[in-house]
Amino acid sequence: MDVADSDLGVYAVSGAFAVLVYLVALAVLAFATDVGLTVGTTATLTGGFLLFMGSYVAAMVIYRGVEDGEPVE
């Protein structure tokens, strides 16, 4: 099975896209708005995003384990 052509590959690419969107959103927040990105604000936003990405990666690992454990007919 080629990972690039599998569901897991699609999930990995969409996860990378989510990281890119998060970084662009932080840059826009910092430069285009009056919101100050202090250490506390950045840490809170990043902490929440890392919790989200952690659950996303856990779901990918579980999906891969289920996919490997099922017989293919």
Protein backbone atom coordinates (compact mmCIF):
# COMPACT_ATOMS: atom_id res chain seq x y z
CA MET A 1 0.00 0.00 0.00
CA ASP A 2 1.36 3.37 -1.00
CA VAL A 3 0.83 5.91 1.79
CA ALA A 4 0.47 8.78 -0.69
CA ASP A 5 -2.54 7.09 -2.31
CA SER A 6 -4.20 5.95 0.92
CA ASP A 7 -6.64 7.60 3.30
CA LEU A 8 -3.77 8.02 5.74
CA GLY A 9 -1.86 10.09 3.17
CA VAL A 10 -4.86 12.36 2.71
CA TYR A 11 -5.13 12.81 6.48
CA ALA A 12 -1.42 13.64 6.73
CA VAL A 13 -1.66 16.26 3.98
CA SER A 14 -4.75 17.83 5.55
CA GLY A 15 -2.93 17.94 8.91
CA ALA A 16 0.00 19.72 7.30
CA PHE A 17 -2.45 22.15 5.71
CA ALA A 18 -4.00 22.82 9.14
CA VAL A 19 -0.55 23.70 10.51
CA LEU A 20 0.05 26.06 7.58
CA VAL A 21 -3.32 27.77 8.11
CA TYR A 22 -2.56 28.16 11.83
CA LEU A 23 0.81 29.79 11.14
CA VAL A 24 -0.70 32.16 8.56
CA ALA A 25 -3.50 33.04 11.00
CA LEU A 26 -0.94 33.88 13.71
CA ALA A 27 0.96 36.09 11.26
CA VAL A 28 -2.24 37.90 10.24
CA LEU A 29 -3.24 38.29 13.87
CA ALA A 30 0.15 39.78 14.69
CA PHE A 31 0.49 42.19 11.77
CA ALA A 32 -3.02 43.09 10.59
CA THR A 33 -4.94 43.51 13.86
CA ASP A 34 -4.57 45.36 17.12
CA VAL A 35 -4.36 42.12 19.11
CA GLY A 36 -1.04 41.94 20.88
CA LEU A 37 0.62 38.57 20.68
CA THR A 38 2.10 38.42 24.14
CA VAL A 39 3.74 35.29 25.48
CA GLY A 40 0.54 34.34 27.30
CA THR A 41 -1.68 34.77 24.25
CA THR A 42 0.67 32.89 21.97
CA ALA A 43 1.16 30.09 24.51
CA THR A 44 -2.59 29.71 25.00
CA LEU A 45 -3.35 29.62 21.27
CA THR A 46 -0.46 27.27 20.56
CA GLY A 47 -1.35 25.01 23.49
CA GLY A 48 -4.91 24.63 22.23
CA PHE A 49 -3.71 23.98 18.70
CA LEU A 50 -1.22 21.36 19.91
CA LEU A 51 -4.00 19.59 21.82
CA PHE A 52 -6.03 19.55 18.61
CA MET A 53 -3.09 18.23 16.58
CA GLY A 54 -2.35 15.62 19.25
CA SER A 55 -5.86 14.24 18.97
CA TYR A 56 -5.56 14.38 15.18
CA VAL A 57 -2.32 12.35 15.23
CA ALA A 58 -3.79 9.90 17.75
CA ALA A 59 -6.74 9.34 15.41
CA MET A 60 -4.33 8.69 12.53
CA VAL A 61 -2.38 6.15 14.60
CA ILE A 62 -5.58 4.39 15.63
CA TYR A 63 -6.82 4.40 12.04
CA ARG A 64 -3.56 2.86 10.86
CA GLY A 65 -3.76 0.17 13.55
CA VAL A 66 -7.32 -0.70 12.57
CA GLU A 67 -6.43 -0.67 8.88
CA ASP A 68 -3.45 -3.01 9.44
CA GLY A 69 -5.48 -5.39 11.59
CA GLU A 70 -8.31 -6.00 9.13
CA PRO A 71 -7.94 -8.76 6.56
CA VAL A 72 -8.23 -7.72 2.94
CA GLU A 73 -10.33 -9.97 0.73
